[in-house]
Amino acid sequence: MTSSPASPRLTKGAIVGFDAANPLASVIVFQYNPSQLTRDLKARTPQEEEGATNEVLRLAGPPRESIRINALELDAADQLEKGDPVAGSMGIAPQLAALEMLLYPKSAQVIASTALLLAGTIEFGPPPEAPFTLFIWGAKRVLPVRIKEFTIEELHHDPQLNPIVATVNLSMDVLSYADFGVEHPGYHLFLAHQLVKEAMAVVGSARGAASAVSASIDLG
């Protein structure tokens, strides 16, 4: 359906995983923005001690936040209608694979570790890191996240059994400056996000105070 020229340009959400070895492996721009996004926030407080009443209002850092996205839609219909060769040969499998790769260790690391194990020379180090992942939901919400889990429901397939329509339910934890060292870009990115949020809170509080004053004048 062709939109009106006067319609505002829709900003699309995205999930982007940064991996120096393969920078394009995990770029997922939402074809259609999900209609529902649920956020859970839990205060991060110091360990409470018996009788430590002076600690009750202290915060150990920003809240722990999780985000759930329901019914993220992927549909190859438009691409198939335009004769897109990738959609014709693979459907939406590449988009699903880009999302799934955020949870996989790199195959090169697995192969290298296996070779060292077979040679008897392996020394186990820390587990491999996932890509540095950002959840982008407009200019005011660019957040470092860790994907916890997601459910993919493949609804339709082409004759070669490639998925062509699917929905994804996605759950992720927001990572804050409490989760990164000061040298990591995630530390500064989340701090910038908090500064934007603080500025918006000032605007909201000012409007709330103005509304309260206006209401009291009307009642008077």
C-alpha atoms as a PDB file:
ATOM      1  CA  MET A   1       0.000   0.000   0.000  1.00  0.00           C
ATOM      2  CA  THR A   2       1.428   3.379  -0.981  1.00  0.00           C
ATOM      3  CA  SER A   3       1.593   5.844   1.897  1.00  0.00           C
ATOM      4  CA  SER A   4       0.584   9.472   1.614  1.00  0.00           C
ATOM      5  CA  PRO A   5       3.432  11.917   0.879  1.00  0.00           C
ATOM      6  CA  ALA A   6       2.321  13.801   4.005  1.00  0.00           C
ATOM      7  CA  SER A   7       2.724  10.736   6.219  1.00  0.00           C
ATOM      8  CA  PRO A   8       5.663  10.890   8.641  1.00  0.00           C
ATOM      9  CA  ARG A   9       8.598   8.680   7.767  1.00  0.00           C
ATOM     10  CA  LEU A  10       8.504   5.582   9.950  1.00  0.00           C
ATOM     11  CA  THR A  11      11.654   4.896  11.945  1.00  0.00           C
ATOM     12  CA  LYS A  12      12.395   1.190  11.984  1.00  0.00           C
ATOM     13  CA  GLY A  13      13.724  -0.586  15.022  1.00  0.00           C
ATOM     14  CA  ALA A  14      16.756  -2.827  14.767  1.00  0.00           C
ATOM     15  CA  ILE A  15      19.080  -5.203  16.563  1.00  0.00           C
ATOM     16  CA  VAL A  16      22.745  -4.928  15.616  1.00  0.00           C
ATOM     17  CA  GLY A  17      25.545  -7.218  16.767  1.00  0.00           C
ATOM     18  CA  PHE A  18      29.101  -5.895  16.427  1.00  0.00           C
ATOM     19  CA  ASP A  19      31.719  -8.500  15.611  1.00  0.00           C
ATOM     20  CA  ALA A  20      35.109  -7.389  14.317  1.00  0.00           C
ATOM     21  CA  ALA A  21      35.599 -10.679  12.447  1.00  0.00           C
ATOM     22  CA  ASN A  22      32.308 -10.392  10.555  1.00  0.00           C
ATOM     23  CA  PRO A  23      30.699  -6.925  10.914  1.00  0.00           C
ATOM     24  CA  LEU A  24      27.669  -7.703   8.720  1.00  0.00           C
ATOM     25  CA  ALA A  25      26.734 -11.036  10.279  1.00  0.00           C
ATOM     26  CA  SER A  26      24.141  -9.725  12.730  1.00  0.00           C
ATOM     27  CA  VAL A  27      22.277  -6.700  11.420  1.00  0.00           C
ATOM     28  CA  ILE A  28      18.518  -7.143  11.805  1.00  0.00           C
ATOM     29  CA  VAL A  29      16.415  -4.145  10.755  1.00  0.00           C
ATOM     30  CA  PHE A  30      12.774  -4.735  11.618  1.00  0.00           C
ATOM     31  CA  GLN A  31      10.681  -5.157   8.511  1.00  0.00           C
ATOM     32  CA  TYR A  32       7.628  -4.204  10.556  1.00  0.00           C
ATOM     33  CA  ASN A  33       7.952  -2.670  13.994  1.00  0.00           C
ATOM     34  CA  PRO A  34       6.275  -4.862  16.630  1.00  0.00           C
ATOM     35  CA  SER A  35       3.118  -3.359  18.069  1.00  0.00           C
ATOM     36  CA  GLN A  36       3.954  -4.325  21.651  1.00  0.00           C
ATOM     37  CA  LEU A  37       7.107  -3.834  23.712  1.00  0.00           C
ATOM     38  CA  THR A  38       7.173  -4.751  27.418  1.00  0.00           C
ATOM     39  CA  ARG A  39       9.813  -3.402  29.826  1.00  0.00           C
ATOM     40  CA  ASP A  40      10.497  -4.718  33.339  1.00  0.00           C
ATOM     41  CA  LEU A  41      12.648  -2.653  35.713  1.00  0.00           C
ATOM     42  CA  LYS A  42      13.976  -3.770  39.092  1.00  0.00           C
ATOM     43  CA  ALA A  43      15.884  -1.534  41.495  1.00  0.00           C
ATOM     44  CA  ARG A  44      19.543  -2.403  42.019  1.00  0.00           C
ATOM     45  CA  THR A  45      20.120  -1.994  45.789  1.00  0.00           C
ATOM     46  CA  PRO A  46      23.019  -2.796  48.119  1.00  0.00           C
ATOM     47  CA  GLN A  47      22.825  -6.049  50.071  1.00  0.00           C
ATOM     48  CA  GLU A  48      20.518  -5.279  52.973  1.00  0.00           C
ATOM     49  CA  GLU A  49      21.839  -5.931  56.456  1.00  0.00           C
ATOM     50  CA  GLU A  50      19.787  -6.345  59.591  1.00  0.00           C
ATOM     51  CA  GLY A  51      19.370  -3.039  61.317  1.00  0.00           C
ATOM     52  CA  ALA A  52      20.977  -1.029  58.492  1.00  0.00           C
ATOM     53  CA  THR A  53      18.043   1.371  58.185  1.00  0.00           C
ATOM     54  CA  ASN A  54      20.256   4.152  56.820  1.00  0.00           C
ATOM     55  CA  GLU A  55      20.813   2.082  53.643  1.00  0.00           C
ATOM     56  CA  VAL A  56      17.175   1.777  52.643  1.00  0.00           C
ATOM     57  CA  LEU A  57      17.261   4.526  50.006  1.00  0.00           C
ATOM     58  CA  ARG A  58      20.668   3.781  48.553  1.00  0.00           C
ATOM     59  CA  LEU A  59      21.059   2.531  44.978  1.00  0.00           C
ATOM     60  CA  ALA A  60      23.880   0.265  43.845  1.00  0.00           C
ATOM     61  CA  GLY A  61      23.471   1.346  40.233  1.00  0.00           C
ATOM     62  CA  PRO A  62      20.877   1.740  37.491  1.00  0.00           C
ATOM     63  CA  PRO A  63      17.906  -0.623  37.571  1.00  0.00           C
ATOM     64  CA  ARG A  64      18.070  -4.054  36.044  1.00  0.00           C
ATOM     65  CA  GLU A  65      15.883  -3.826  32.968  1.00  0.00           C
ATOM     66  CA  SER A  66      14.565  -6.474  30.636  1.00  0.00           C
ATOM     67  CA  ILE A  67      12.686  -5.978  27.371  1.00  0.00           C
ATOM     68  CA  ARG A  68      10.266  -8.338  25.676  1.00  0.00           C
ATOM     69  CA  ILE A  69       9.103  -7.948  22.105  1.00  0.00           C
ATOM     70  CA  ASN A  70       6.049  -9.888  21.020  1.00  0.00           C
ATOM     71  CA  ALA A  71       5.138 -10.851  17.476  1.00  0.00           C
ATOM     72  CA  LEU A  72       8.045  -9.391  15.542  1.00  0.00           C
ATOM     73  CA  GLU A  73       6.918 -10.123  11.972  1.00  0.00           C
ATOM     74  CA  LEU A  74       9.076 -11.283   9.079  1.00  0.00           C
ATOM     75  CA  ASP A  75       7.442 -11.709   5.674  1.00  0.00           C
ATOM     76  CA  ALA A  76       9.054 -12.298   2.284  1.00  0.00           C
ATOM     77  CA  ALA A  77       5.889 -11.375   0.315  1.00  0.00           C
ATOM     78  CA  ASP A  78       7.110  -7.954  -0.858  1.00  0.00           C
ATOM     79  CA  GLN A  79      10.530  -9.271  -1.864  1.00  0.00           C
ATOM     80  CA  LEU A  80       9.032 -12.240  -3.694  1.00  0.00           C
ATOM     81  CA  GLU A  81       6.634  -9.943  -5.536  1.00  0.00           C
ATOM     82  CA  LYS A  82       9.608  -7.857  -6.707  1.00  0.00           C
ATOM     83  CA  GLY A  83      11.492 -10.948  -7.841  1.00  0.00           C
ATOM     84  CA  ASP A  84      14.248 -10.642  -5.245  1.00  0.00           C
ATOM     85  CA  PRO A  85      16.631 -13.556  -5.921  1.00  0.00           C
ATOM     86  CA  VAL A  86      17.660 -13.987  -2.266  1.00  0.00           C
ATOM     87  CA  ALA A  87      14.049 -14.198  -1.071  1.00  0.00           C
ATOM     88  CA  GLY A  88      13.288 -16.515  -3.988  1.00  0.00           C
ATOM     89  CA  SER A  89      16.034 -18.962  -3.038  1.00  0.00           C
ATOM     90  CA  MET A  90      16.072 -18.667   0.767  1.00  0.00           C
ATOM     91  CA  GLY A  91      12.924 -16.823   1.895  1.00  0.00           C
ATOM     92  CA  ILE A  92      13.469 -15.121   5.260  1.00  0.00           C
ATOM     93  CA  ALA A  93      16.038 -17.684   6.428  1.00  0.00           C
ATOM     94  CA  PRO A  94      18.903 -15.128   6.193  1.00  0.00           C
ATOM     95  CA  GLN A  95      17.118 -12.699   8.544  1.00  0.00           C
ATOM     96  CA  LEU A  96      16.408 -15.488  11.022  1.00  0.00           C
ATOM     97  CA  ALA A  97      20.016 -16.679  10.794  1.00  0.00           C
ATOM     98  CA  ALA A  98      21.327 -13.173  11.536  1.00  0.00           C
ATOM     99  CA  LEU A  99      19.230 -13.112  14.709  1.00  0.00           C
ATOM    100  CA  GLU A 100      20.261 -16.621  15.744  1.00  0.00           C
ATOM    101  CA  MET A 101      23.964 -15.856  15.299  1.00  0.00           C
ATOM    102  CA  LEU A 102      23.746 -13.549  18.319  1.00  0.00           C
ATOM    103  CA  LEU A 103      23.543 -16.714  20.467  1.00  0.00           C
ATOM    104  CA  TYR A 104      26.179 -18.846  18.717  1.00  0.00           C
ATOM    105  CA  PRO A 105      29.909 -18.960  19.471  1.00  0.00           C
ATOM    106  CA  LYS A 106      31.882 -18.375  16.282  1.00  0.00           C
ATOM    107  CA  SER A 107      32.546 -21.560  14.321  1.00  0.00           C
ATOM    108  CA  ALA A 108      36.185 -20.508  13.822  1.00  0.00           C
ATOM    109  CA  GLN A 109      36.642 -20.498  17.594  1.00  0.00           C
ATOM    110  CA  VAL A 110      34.962 -23.891  17.931  1.00  0.00           C
ATOM    111  CA  ILE A 111      37.151 -25.396  15.183  1.00  0.00           C
ATOM    112  CA  ALA A 112      40.332 -23.922  16.666  1.00  0.00           C
ATOM    113  CA  SER A 113      39.468 -25.203  20.143  1.00  0.00           C
ATOM    114  CA  THR A 114      38.665 -28.657  18.760  1.00  0.00           C
ATOM    115  CA  ALA A 115      41.985 -28.804  16.905  1.00  0.00           C
ATOM    116  CA  LEU A 116      43.889 -27.866  20.060  1.00  0.00           C
ATOM    117  CA  LEU A 117      41.924 -30.419  22.059  1.00  0.00           C
ATOM    118  CA  LEU A 118      42.737 -33.194  19.586  1.00  0.00           C
ATOM    119  CA  ALA A 119      46.399 -32.177  19.623  1.00  0.00           C
ATOM    120  CA  GLY A 120      46.401 -32.371  23.400  1.00  0.00           C
ATOM    121  CA  THR A 121      47.672 -28.821  23.772  1.00  0.00           C
ATOM    122  CA  ILE A 122      44.518 -26.984  24.733  1.00  0.00           C
ATOM    123  CA  GLU A 123      44.395 -24.778  27.780  1.00  0.00           C
ATOM    124  CA  PHE A 124      40.861 -23.817  28.543  1.00  0.00           C
ATOM    125  CA  GLY A 125      40.352 -20.074  28.754  1.00  0.00           C
ATOM    126  CA  PRO A 126      37.196 -18.054  29.305  1.00  0.00           C
ATOM    127  CA  PRO A 127      34.146 -18.905  27.175  1.00  0.00           C
ATOM    128  CA  PRO A 128      33.889 -16.958  23.896  1.00  0.00           C
ATOM    129  CA  GLU A 129      32.077 -13.634  23.961  1.00  0.00           C
ATOM    130  CA  ALA A 130      28.848 -12.949  22.124  1.00  0.00           C
ATOM    131  CA  PRO A 131      28.793  -9.946  19.771  1.00  0.00           C
ATOM    132  CA  PHE A 132      28.363  -6.547  21.394  1.00  0.00           C
ATOM    133  CA  THR A 133      24.649  -6.141  20.710  1.00  0.00           C
ATOM    134  CA  LEU A 134      22.524  -2.998  20.505  1.00  0.00           C
ATOM    135  CA  PHE A 135      18.762  -2.691  20.577  1.00  0.00           C
ATOM    136  CA  ILE A 136      17.769   0.394  18.605  1.00  0.00           C
ATOM    137  CA  TRP A 137      14.271   1.784  19.093  1.00  0.00           C
ATOM    138  CA  GLY A 138      14.395   5.335  17.793  1.00  0.00           C
ATOM    139  CA  ALA A 139      17.061   7.964  18.356  1.00  0.00           C
ATOM    140  CA  LYS A 140      16.313   8.237  22.092  1.00  0.00           C
ATOM    141  CA  ARG A 141      16.687   4.525  22.828  1.00  0.00           C
ATOM    142  CA  VAL A 142      19.928   2.885  21.744  1.00  0.00           C
ATOM    143  CA  LEU A 143      20.731   0.272  24.364  1.00  0.00           C
ATOM    144  CA  PRO A 144      23.400  -2.377  24.869  1.00  0.00           C
ATOM    145  CA  VAL A 145      21.580  -5.674  25.423  1.00  0.00           C
ATOM    146  CA  ARG A 146      22.164  -9.361  25.940  1.00  0.00           C
ATOM    147  CA  ILE A 147      19.714 -11.611  24.107  1.00  0.00           C
ATOM    148  CA  LYS A 148      18.283 -14.093  26.616  1.00  0.00           C
ATOM    149  CA  GLU A 149      15.982 -16.155  24.455  1.00  0.00           C
ATOM    150  CA  PHE A 150      13.564 -16.006  21.577  1.00  0.00           C
ATOM    151  CA  THR A 151      10.866 -18.131  20.027  1.00  0.00           C
ATOM    152  CA  ILE A 152      10.523 -18.393  16.261  1.00  0.00           C
ATOM    153  CA  GLU A 153       7.216 -19.497  14.811  1.00  0.00           C
ATOM    154  CA  GLU A 154       7.568 -20.284  11.117  1.00  0.00           C
ATOM    155  CA  LEU A 155       4.078 -19.836   9.700  1.00  0.00           C
ATOM    156  CA  HIS A 156       4.514 -20.431   5.963  1.00  0.00           C
ATOM    157  CA  HIS A 157       7.140 -22.080   3.746  1.00  0.00           C
ATOM    158  CA  ASP A 158       7.877 -22.084   0.036  1.00  0.00           C
ATOM    159  CA  PRO A 159       8.015 -25.319  -2.044  1.00  0.00           C
ATOM    160  CA  GLN A 160      11.683 -25.774  -1.015  1.00  0.00           C
ATOM    161  CA  LEU A 161      10.629 -25.493   2.668  1.00  0.00           C
ATOM    162  CA  ASN A 162      12.318 -22.139   3.143  1.00  0.00           C
ATOM    163  CA  PRO A 163      10.427 -20.046   5.720  1.00  0.00           C
ATOM    164  CA  ILE A 164       8.669 -17.099   4.074  1.00  0.00           C
ATOM    165  CA  VAL A 165       6.503 -15.873   6.973  1.00  0.00           C
ATOM    166  CA  ALA A 166       7.463 -16.004  10.657  1.00  0.00           C
ATOM    167  CA  THR A 167       6.907 -14.270  13.978  1.00  0.00           C
ATOM    168  CA  VAL A 168       9.519 -13.901  16.696  1.00  0.00           C
ATOM    169  CA  ASN A 169       9.009 -13.354  20.430  1.00  0.00           C
ATOM    170  CA  LEU A 170      12.222 -11.951  21.840  1.00  0.00           C
ATOM    171  CA  SER A 171      13.513 -11.421  25.387  1.00  0.00           C
ATOM    172  CA  MET A 172      16.655  -9.463  26.274  1.00  0.00           C
ATOM    173  CA  ASP A 173      18.431  -7.907  29.250  1.00  0.00           C
ATOM    174  CA  VAL A 174      19.579  -4.300  29.065  1.00  0.00           C
ATOM    175  CA  LEU A 175      23.282  -3.926  29.911  1.00  0.00           C
ATOM    176  CA  SER A 176      24.236  -0.753  31.795  1.00  0.00           C
ATOM    177  CA  TYR A 177      27.458   0.899  32.883  1.00  0.00           C
ATOM    178  CA  ALA A 178      27.280  -1.424  35.919  1.00  0.00           C
ATOM    179  CA  ASP A 179      27.961  -4.336  33.552  1.00  0.00           C
ATOM    180  CA  PHE A 180      30.912  -2.871  31.615  1.00  0.00           C
ATOM    181  CA  GLY A 181      34.336  -1.524  32.342  1.00  0.00           C
ATOM    182  CA  VAL A 182      34.793   2.187  31.792  1.00  0.00           C
ATOM    183  CA  GLU A 183      36.847   1.505  28.657  1.00  0.00           C
ATOM    184  CA  HIS A 184      34.025  -0.404  26.940  1.00  0.00           C
ATOM    185  CA  PRO A 185      31.756   1.511  24.505  1.00  0.00           C
ATOM    186  CA  GLY A 186      28.710  -0.015  26.203  1.00  0.00           C
ATOM    187  CA  TYR A 187      29.543   1.922  29.390  1.00  0.00           C
ATOM    188  CA  HIS A 188      29.429   5.281  27.613  1.00  0.00           C
ATOM    189  CA  LEU A 189      26.480   4.363  25.407  1.00  0.00           C
ATOM    190  CA  PHE A 190      24.282   3.518  28.374  1.00  0.00           C
ATOM    191  CA  LEU A 191      25.424   6.621  30.257  1.00  0.00           C
ATOM    192  CA  ALA A 192      24.386   8.735  27.250  1.00  0.00           C
ATOM    193  CA  HIS A 193      21.014   6.945  27.272  1.00  0.00           C
ATOM    194  CA  GLN A 194      20.560   7.820  30.949  1.00  0.00           C
ATOM    195  CA  LEU A 195      21.393  11.479  30.302  1.00  0.00           C
ATOM    196  CA  VAL A 196      18.692  11.610  27.619  1.00  0.00           C
ATOM    197  CA  LYS A 197      16.242   9.959  30.006  1.00  0.00           C
ATOM    198  CA  GLU A 198      17.074  12.466  32.757  1.00  0.00           C
ATOM    199  CA  ALA A 199      16.432  15.357  30.364  1.00  0.00           C
ATOM    200  CA  MET A 200      13.069  13.879  29.355  1.00  0.00           C
ATOM    201  CA  ALA A 201      12.188  13.383  33.040  1.00  0.00           C
ATOM    202  CA  VAL A 202      12.764  17.095  33.655  1.00  0.00           C
ATOM    203  CA  VAL A 203      10.399  17.927  30.798  1.00  0.00           C
ATOM    204  CA  GLY A 204       7.792  15.501  32.124  1.00  0.00           C
ATOM    205  CA  SER A 205       8.082  16.835  35.679  1.00  0.00           C
ATOM    206  CA  ALA A 206       7.770  20.444  34.502  1.00  0.00           C
ATOM    207  CA  ARG A 207       4.635  19.612  32.536  1.00  0.00           C
ATOM    208  CA  GLY A 208       3.242  17.713  35.527  1.00  0.00           C
ATOM    209  CA  ALA A 209       3.884  20.638  37.860  1.00  0.00           C
ATOM    210  CA  ALA A 210       2.251  23.052  35.408  1.00  0.00           C
ATOM    211  CA  SER A 211      -0.809  20.802  35.149  1.00  0.00           C
ATOM    212  CA  ALA A 212      -1.063  20.602  38.953  1.00  0.00           C
ATOM    213  CA  VAL A 213      -0.888  24.391  39.294  1.00  0.00           C
ATOM    214  CA  SER A 214      -3.498  24.829  36.572  1.00  0.00           C
ATOM    215  CA  ALA A 215      -5.805  22.321  38.248  1.00  0.00           C
ATOM    216  CA  SER A 216      -5.474  24.007  41.648  1.00  0.00           C
ATOM    217  CA  ILE A 217      -6.320  27.384  40.095  1.00  0.00           C
ATOM    218  CA  ASP A 218      -9.412  25.913  38.425  1.00  0.00           C
ATOM    219  CA  LEU A 219     -10.530  24.373  41.720  1.00  0.00           C
ATOM    220  CA  GLY A 220      -9.956  27.649  43.512  1.00  0.00           C
END
